Protein backbone atom coordinates (compact mmCIF):
# COMPACT_ATOMS: atom_id res chain seq x y z
CA MET A 1 -74.49 -55.41 -260.13
CA ASN A 2 -73.90 -56.19 -256.46
CA LEU A 3 -70.31 -57.27 -257.15
CA MET A 4 -69.62 -53.98 -258.93
CA ASN A 5 -71.01 -51.97 -255.99
CA GLU A 6 -68.78 -53.89 -253.58
CA GLN A 7 -65.74 -53.18 -255.73
CA VAL A 8 -66.59 -49.49 -255.91
CA LEU A 9 -67.14 -49.39 -252.17
CA GLU A 10 -63.80 -51.11 -251.51
CA LYS A 11 -62.07 -48.67 -253.87
CA VAL A 12 -63.62 -45.67 -252.10
CA ILE A 13 -62.61 -47.06 -248.69
CA PHE A 14 -59.10 -47.72 -249.93
CA LEU A 15 -58.76 -44.21 -251.37
CA THR A 16 -60.08 -42.48 -248.26
CA TRP A 17 -59.84 -44.30 -244.95
CA ARG A 18 -56.68 -46.18 -245.76
CA ASN A 19 -54.99 -43.14 -247.24
CA PRO A 20 -52.45 -41.76 -244.73
CA LEU A 21 -52.79 -38.18 -245.96
CA PHE A 22 -56.58 -38.25 -245.69
CA MET A 23 -56.38 -39.77 -242.21
CA ALA A 24 -53.85 -37.16 -241.07
CA ILE A 25 -56.13 -34.36 -242.26
CA ALA A 26 -59.22 -36.00 -240.74
CA ILE A 27 -57.53 -36.48 -237.36
CA ALA A 28 -56.19 -32.93 -237.44
CA LEU A 29 -59.68 -31.57 -238.14
CA VAL A 30 -61.25 -33.63 -235.39
CA TRP A 31 -58.51 -32.45 -233.02
CA LEU A 32 -58.31 -28.77 -233.98
CA VAL A 33 -61.88 -27.69 -234.73
CA PRO A 34 -63.16 -28.21 -231.16
CA GLN A 35 -60.07 -26.45 -229.79
CA LEU A 36 -60.73 -23.43 -232.00
CA ILE A 37 -64.37 -23.30 -230.91
CA ILE A 38 -63.45 -23.57 -227.23
CA LYS A 39 -60.72 -20.93 -227.65
CA ARG A 40 -63.20 -18.50 -229.21
CA ILE A 41 -65.69 -19.03 -226.37
CA MET A 42 -62.97 -18.61 -223.73
CA GLU A 43 -61.70 -15.38 -225.36
CA SER A 44 -65.22 -13.99 -225.44
CA ASN A 45 -65.77 -14.80 -221.75
CA TYR A 46 -62.36 -13.29 -220.88
CA LYS A 47 -63.15 -10.03 -222.69
CA ILE A 48 -66.51 -9.73 -220.94
CA SER A 49 -65.03 -10.40 -217.50
CA LYS A 50 -62.20 -7.96 -218.21
CA GLN A 51 -64.71 -5.22 -219.06
CA ILE A 52 -66.71 -5.93 -215.90
CA LYS A 53 -63.57 -5.74 -213.73
CA GLN A 54 -62.49 -2.53 -215.44
CA LYS A 55 -65.92 -0.98 -214.84
CA LYS A 56 -65.78 -1.94 -211.15
CA ARG A 57 -62.32 -0.39 -210.76
CA ILE A 58 -63.40 2.84 -212.46
CA ASP A 59 -66.54 2.98 -210.30
CA SER A 60 -64.41 2.58 -207.17
CA LEU A 61 -62.25 5.55 -208.21
CA TYR A 62 -65.23 7.80 -208.86
CA PRO A 63 -67.88 6.98 -206.27
CA LYS A 64 -71.38 8.25 -206.91
CA LYS A 65 -72.77 10.99 -204.75
CA GLN A 66 -74.92 9.80 -201.91
CA GLN A 67 -78.30 11.42 -201.64
CA SER A 68 -79.30 12.62 -198.19
């Protein structure tokens, strides 16, 4: 039974980790997924800062009345 499990394990390793196509896809996923997450966070922060800057510019064009 143990010998059969070792053979199955070796077969699985050979079909996955030693497969160039699988490795290319795995490396691409490890490389691209974090970049996509970081890009989404950066875009969100950029949009928020852009809205804040736009609000400040509009407020500077139309100052509020000062109460005396």
